[in-house]
Amino acid sequence: MVDHSQPLHKRRPGFGQQDLYRLGCLLAHAQQGEQVLTDTCANYPRMYRRINGALVKSATLSCPDIARLGLYGDDPYHIEESQQDDFHLYGASNQAFAGLDSSQWRSVVGFVLQMALSSQLSTGQVLLRLHWIAARLTTLPYAGWAEELPNLAAEYEPSIACSEPILKRFIAAEMTRTGFPFISSTSAVVDYGVSLTEWATTLAIQTLTLRYLLLAHCDAHAQQAPDPQKTVDLVYRFCRAANHNAVTASERTLRNAIGERGPAYLCALIAQIEV
């Protein structure tokens, strides 16, 4: 039983500052509504951007509930249109992409998501094809991306075999979180890279790192992957560390090496890991 006559911090052992802050947010939300919450409390784990004035909403896998939905939900990467009533969207930055309309944006994002989740492509093939596409999109006007994407995707067919649905859903989640290929200029996304090619390189590095993490928790004798709850916990904690901390020196070094040596080097790295 809780003694309500005692101050909050004395009601149970270990009731720390973070707990007090969280309880305060919950009480404020219950008593006065969402409009009184801070931007972080109101929005997380949702991610908001504006593309040519249109609001785009996604989410980050650094939340366990979103990780569970993103990795095991029925159709979590389906693009939907809806009315958004939120008190905390004034900070959503707008980015202008000349010549791009909403239907073209939807076509481009829908295409790359479909490619990432395709059962006909391995994780390595997805990463290499994204890298190939990223390098070529930068030379084209935004208005031509929707028309040219299918041609660009068909031009590159690496011969690597291995299908890992969890990793491919991670790729799709990171694409929606950062807005690929319409990458934003926020500090979080700049850490991913300042160009489409750098972004695709960082995605490849993080995906391959996550693959090693999941392999480390497989049952080698039974040849079984971690169960869904363990997988969600691993991916959520990985994303929390990756998304909320600055890029490491080792990751930047590997990104630079791939940038200097080109797609063949990335292909060699993926081939070694997927054997």
Protein backbone atom coordinates (compact mmCIF):
# COMPACT_ATOMS: atom_id res chain seq x y z
CA MET A 1 0.00 0.00 0.00
CA VAL A 2 1.24 3.47 -0.81
CA ASP A 3 1.31 6.02 1.98
CA HIS A 4 -0.09 9.11 0.24
CA SER A 5 0.75 11.25 3.25
CA GLN A 6 4.44 10.93 2.38
CA PRO A 7 6.24 13.00 -0.26
CA LEU A 8 6.59 11.23 -3.60
CA HIS A 9 10.30 10.55 -3.24
CA LYS A 10 9.68 8.71 0.10
CA ARG A 11 6.84 6.46 -1.02
CA ARG A 12 9.05 3.60 -2.19
CA PRO A 13 12.77 2.80 -2.26
CA GLY A 14 14.62 3.86 -5.39
CA PHE A 15 12.08 6.45 -6.48
CA GLY A 16 14.60 8.58 -8.34
CA GLN A 17 14.54 11.82 -10.24
CA GLN A 18 13.67 10.15 -13.56
CA ASP A 19 10.68 8.43 -11.97
CA LEU A 20 9.50 11.71 -10.47
CA TYR A 21 9.83 13.43 -13.83
CA ARG A 22 7.94 10.65 -15.60
CA LEU A 23 5.17 10.62 -12.99
CA GLY A 24 4.92 14.40 -13.25
CA CYS A 25 4.48 14.13 -17.02
CA LEU A 26 1.78 11.49 -16.61
CA LEU A 27 -0.11 13.54 -14.02
CA ALA A 28 0.14 16.67 -16.14
CA HIS A 29 -1.10 14.76 -19.17
CA ALA A 30 -4.04 13.29 -17.27
CA GLN A 31 -5.08 16.53 -15.60
CA GLN A 32 -4.46 19.17 -18.29
CA GLY A 33 -4.16 17.36 -21.61
CA GLU A 34 -1.42 16.78 -24.17
CA GLN A 35 -0.92 20.49 -24.87
CA VAL A 36 0.93 20.97 -21.54
CA LEU A 37 3.57 18.31 -22.22
CA THR A 38 7.05 19.16 -23.42
CA ASP A 39 7.84 18.47 -27.08
CA THR A 40 9.92 15.43 -26.14
CA CYS A 41 7.22 13.88 -23.95
CA ALA A 42 4.47 14.60 -26.45
CA ASN A 43 6.24 13.45 -29.60
CA TYR A 44 8.63 10.61 -28.72
CA PRO A 45 8.89 8.06 -30.29
CA ARG A 46 7.18 9.78 -33.20
CA MET A 47 9.32 11.67 -35.74
CA TYR A 48 7.90 14.68 -37.61
CA ARG A 49 9.16 16.49 -40.73
CA ARG A 50 7.69 18.71 -43.39
CA ILE A 51 8.38 18.00 -47.07
CA ASN A 52 7.38 20.98 -49.23
CA GLY A 53 4.97 21.95 -46.47
CA ALA A 54 3.36 18.51 -46.08
CA LEU A 55 3.72 16.88 -42.66
CA VAL A 56 5.41 13.46 -42.63
CA LYS A 57 5.15 11.29 -39.52
CA SER A 58 7.31 8.26 -38.71
CA ALA A 59 8.81 6.70 -35.58
CA THR A 60 12.05 5.37 -34.12
CA LEU A 61 12.85 1.79 -33.11
CA SER A 62 14.56 3.13 -29.99
CA CYS A 63 11.18 2.66 -28.27
CA PRO A 64 10.38 -0.99 -27.37
CA ASP A 65 6.73 -0.72 -28.46
CA ILE A 66 7.70 0.73 -31.84
CA ALA A 67 10.44 -1.90 -32.19
CA ARG A 68 7.86 -4.65 -31.60
CA LEU A 69 5.48 -3.09 -34.14
CA GLY A 70 8.20 -2.37 -36.70
CA LEU A 71 9.75 -5.84 -36.51
CA TYR A 72 6.63 -8.00 -36.14
CA GLY A 73 3.60 -5.88 -37.07
CA ASP A 74 1.38 -6.98 -39.97
CA ASP A 75 2.10 -4.01 -42.26
CA PRO A 76 3.92 -1.29 -40.32
CA TYR A 77 5.51 0.43 -43.34
CA HIS A 78 2.33 1.09 -45.29
CA ILE A 79 2.03 4.80 -46.14
CA GLU A 80 -1.23 6.30 -44.96
CA GLU A 81 -2.78 9.74 -45.16
CA SER A 82 -4.53 11.13 -42.09
CA GLN A 83 -5.45 14.31 -40.26
CA GLN A 84 -2.92 15.28 -37.61
CA ASP A 85 -4.04 17.24 -34.56
CA ASP A 86 -0.99 17.89 -32.40
CA PHE A 87 0.06 20.69 -30.09
CA HIS A 88 3.78 20.21 -30.64
CA LEU A 89 4.38 20.44 -34.39
CA TYR A 90 5.63 24.01 -34.57
CA GLY A 91 9.19 22.68 -34.36
CA ALA A 92 8.85 20.33 -37.35
CA SER A 93 11.31 21.72 -39.86
CA ASN A 94 10.29 22.17 -43.49
CA GLN A 95 12.52 21.15 -46.37
CA ALA A 96 11.99 22.24 -49.96
CA PHE A 97 12.55 19.80 -52.81
CA ALA A 98 12.06 21.71 -56.05
CA GLY A 99 9.63 20.18 -58.54
CA LEU A 100 8.46 17.42 -56.19
CA ASP A 101 4.75 16.98 -55.49
CA SER A 102 3.08 14.78 -52.87
CA SER A 103 2.26 11.96 -55.30
CA GLN A 104 5.88 11.82 -56.46
CA TRP A 105 7.11 11.77 -52.86
CA ARG A 106 4.77 8.89 -52.07
CA SER A 107 5.88 7.02 -55.19
CA VAL A 108 9.59 7.37 -54.34
CA VAL A 109 9.27 6.46 -50.66
CA GLY A 110 6.88 3.61 -51.45
CA PHE A 111 9.28 2.19 -54.03
CA VAL A 112 12.34 2.15 -51.78
CA LEU A 113 10.35 0.64 -48.90
CA GLN A 114 8.97 -2.07 -51.15
CA MET A 115 12.48 -2.80 -52.39
CA ALA A 116 13.88 -2.99 -48.84
CA LEU A 117 11.18 -5.45 -47.75
CA SER A 118 11.15 -7.58 -50.92
CA SER A 119 11.34 -11.33 -50.30
CA GLN A 120 13.23 -11.61 -53.59
CA LEU A 121 16.23 -9.67 -52.29
CA SER A 122 18.70 -10.52 -49.56
CA THR A 123 19.72 -8.00 -46.91
CA GLY A 124 23.03 -7.55 -48.71
CA GLN A 125 21.34 -6.97 -52.04
CA VAL A 126 19.09 -4.33 -50.49
CA LEU A 127 22.05 -2.48 -48.95
CA LEU A 128 24.10 -2.57 -52.14
CA ARG A 129 21.20 -1.50 -54.29
CA LEU A 130 20.44 1.42 -51.94
CA HIS A 131 24.09 2.48 -52.14
CA TRP A 132 23.96 2.26 -55.94
CA ILE A 133 20.73 4.25 -56.14
CA ALA A 134 21.90 6.91 -53.64
CA ALA A 135 24.98 7.73 -55.71
CA ARG A 136 22.89 8.26 -58.84
CA LEU A 137 19.89 10.10 -57.41
CA THR A 138 22.13 12.99 -56.43
CA THR A 139 22.74 13.72 -60.13
CA LEU A 140 19.02 13.87 -60.99
CA PRO A 141 16.39 16.57 -60.36
CA TYR A 142 13.91 15.66 -57.62
CA ALA A 143 11.02 15.76 -60.10
CA GLY A 144 12.60 12.86 -62.01
CA TRP A 145 13.25 10.52 -59.09
CA ALA A 146 9.92 8.67 -59.22
CA GLU A 147 10.32 7.90 -62.92
CA GLU A 148 14.01 6.92 -62.77
CA LEU A 149 14.03 4.81 -59.59
CA PRO A 150 12.81 1.54 -61.20
CA ASN A 151 15.46 1.84 -63.90
CA LEU A 152 18.23 2.55 -61.38
CA ALA A 153 17.18 -0.38 -59.19
CA ALA A 154 17.21 -2.77 -62.15
CA GLU A 155 20.74 -1.78 -63.19
CA TYR A 156 22.49 -3.38 -60.22
CA GLU A 157 22.19 -7.09 -59.41
CA PRO A 158 24.80 -8.24 -56.85
CA SER A 159 25.09 -11.99 -56.41
CA ILE A 160 24.65 -12.40 -52.65
CA ALA A 161 22.12 -14.75 -51.09
CA CYS A 162 20.62 -14.58 -47.61
CA SER A 163 17.21 -13.32 -46.52
CA GLU A 164 16.76 -11.92 -43.03
CA PRO A 165 13.33 -10.33 -42.50
CA ILE A 166 14.27 -8.67 -39.19
CA LEU A 167 17.24 -6.85 -40.73
CA LYS A 168 15.18 -5.79 -43.72
CA ARG A 169 12.52 -4.37 -41.44
CA PHE A 170 15.27 -2.53 -39.58
CA ILE A 171 16.38 -1.04 -42.91
CA ALA A 172 12.81 0.04 -43.69
CA ALA A 173 12.44 1.57 -40.21
CA GLU A 174 15.63 3.61 -40.58
CA MET A 175 14.51 4.77 -44.02
CA THR A 176 11.22 6.05 -42.63
CA ARG A 177 12.87 7.53 -39.52
CA THR A 178 15.32 9.62 -41.53
CA GLY A 179 13.12 10.20 -44.59
CA PHE A 180 15.33 8.49 -47.20
CA PRO A 181 15.89 9.45 -49.95
CA PHE A 182 14.61 12.88 -48.88
CA ILE A 183 17.07 13.02 -45.99
CA SER A 184 16.62 15.85 -43.51
CA SER A 185 19.14 18.35 -42.21
CA THR A 186 18.51 17.70 -38.51
CA SER A 187 21.52 16.91 -36.31
CA ALA A 188 20.40 13.30 -35.85
CA VAL A 189 20.27 12.65 -39.58
CA VAL A 190 23.44 14.61 -40.35
CA ASP A 191 25.23 12.06 -38.16
CA TYR A 192 24.12 9.51 -40.74
CA GLY A 193 25.91 11.50 -43.45
CA VAL A 194 25.63 14.74 -45.38
CA SER A 195 24.95 13.06 -48.75
CA LEU A 196 22.75 10.23 -49.96
CA THR A 197 25.79 8.03 -50.55
CA GLU A 198 27.12 8.60 -47.03
CA TRP A 199 23.64 7.90 -45.65
CA ALA A 200 23.44 4.56 -47.51
CA THR A 201 26.92 3.67 -46.29
CA THR A 202 26.03 4.35 -42.65
CA LEU A 203 22.84 2.32 -42.99
CA ALA A 204 24.90 -0.61 -44.31
CA ILE A 205 27.36 -0.35 -41.40
CA GLN A 206 24.60 -0.22 -38.78
CA THR A 207 22.66 -3.08 -40.39
CA LEU A 208 25.71 -5.33 -40.49
CA THR A 209 26.55 -4.41 -36.89
CA LEU A 210 23.01 -5.32 -35.83
CA ARG A 211 23.35 -8.62 -37.69
CA TYR A 212 26.40 -9.50 -35.59
CA LEU A 213 24.51 -8.55 -32.42
CA LEU A 214 21.61 -10.83 -33.31
CA LEU A 215 23.97 -13.66 -34.28
CA ALA A 216 25.67 -13.37 -30.88
CA HIS A 217 22.33 -14.22 -29.24
CA CYS A 218 21.40 -17.13 -31.50
CA ASP A 219 21.27 -20.68 -30.20
CA ALA A 220 24.18 -22.17 -32.15
CA HIS A 221 23.35 -25.78 -31.24
CA ALA A 222 19.68 -25.56 -32.19
CA GLN A 223 20.43 -23.09 -35.02
CA GLN A 224 17.63 -20.85 -33.81
CA ALA A 225 17.39 -17.07 -33.83
CA PRO A 226 16.44 -15.22 -30.63
CA ASP A 227 12.73 -15.38 -29.81
CA PRO A 228 10.60 -12.33 -30.75
CA GLN A 229 10.70 -10.72 -27.29
CA LYS A 230 14.48 -11.06 -27.08
CA THR A 231 14.84 -9.72 -30.63
CA VAL A 232 12.69 -6.68 -29.83
CA ASP A 233 14.77 -5.98 -26.72
CA LEU A 234 18.05 -6.28 -28.63
CA VAL A 235 16.93 -4.10 -31.55
CA TYR A 236 15.35 -1.44 -29.34
CA ARG A 237 18.47 -1.13 -27.18
CA PHE A 238 20.71 -1.09 -30.25
CA CYS A 239 18.63 1.69 -31.84
CA ARG A 240 18.52 3.64 -28.59
CA ALA A 241 22.32 3.64 -28.45
CA ALA A 242 22.78 4.29 -32.17
CA ASN A 243 20.14 7.01 -32.50
CA HIS A 244 20.81 8.96 -29.32
CA ASN A 245 24.61 9.02 -29.28
CA ALA A 246 27.13 10.72 -31.54
CA VAL A 247 28.71 8.67 -34.30
CA THR A 248 31.74 6.71 -33.07
CA ALA A 249 35.26 7.08 -34.43
CA SER A 250 35.31 3.49 -35.67
CA GLU A 251 32.04 3.94 -37.56
CA ARG A 252 33.29 7.16 -39.15
CA THR A 253 36.55 5.45 -40.15
CA LEU A 254 34.70 2.58 -41.81
CA ARG A 255 32.33 5.01 -43.53
CA ASN A 256 35.30 6.92 -44.92
CA ALA A 257 36.97 3.70 -46.09
CA ILE A 258 33.86 2.63 -47.99
CA GLY A 259 33.57 6.11 -49.46
CA GLU A 260 37.16 6.05 -50.66
CA ARG A 261 37.20 2.46 -52.00
CA GLY A 262 33.71 2.43 -53.48
CA PRO A 263 30.85 -0.07 -53.84
CA ALA A 264 33.20 -3.01 -54.53
CA TYR A 265 34.65 -2.66 -51.01
CA LEU A 266 31.17 -2.57 -49.45
CA CYS A 267 30.19 -5.60 -51.53
CA ALA A 268 33.26 -7.47 -50.25
CA LEU A 269 32.38 -6.62 -46.62
CA ILE A 270 28.81 -7.81 -47.03
CA ALA A 271 29.92 -11.00 -48.77
CA GLN A 272 32.22 -11.85 -45.87
CA ILE A 273 29.49 -11.32 -43.30
CA GLU A 274 26.73 -13.13 -45.20
CA VAL A 275 28.75 -16.30 -45.85
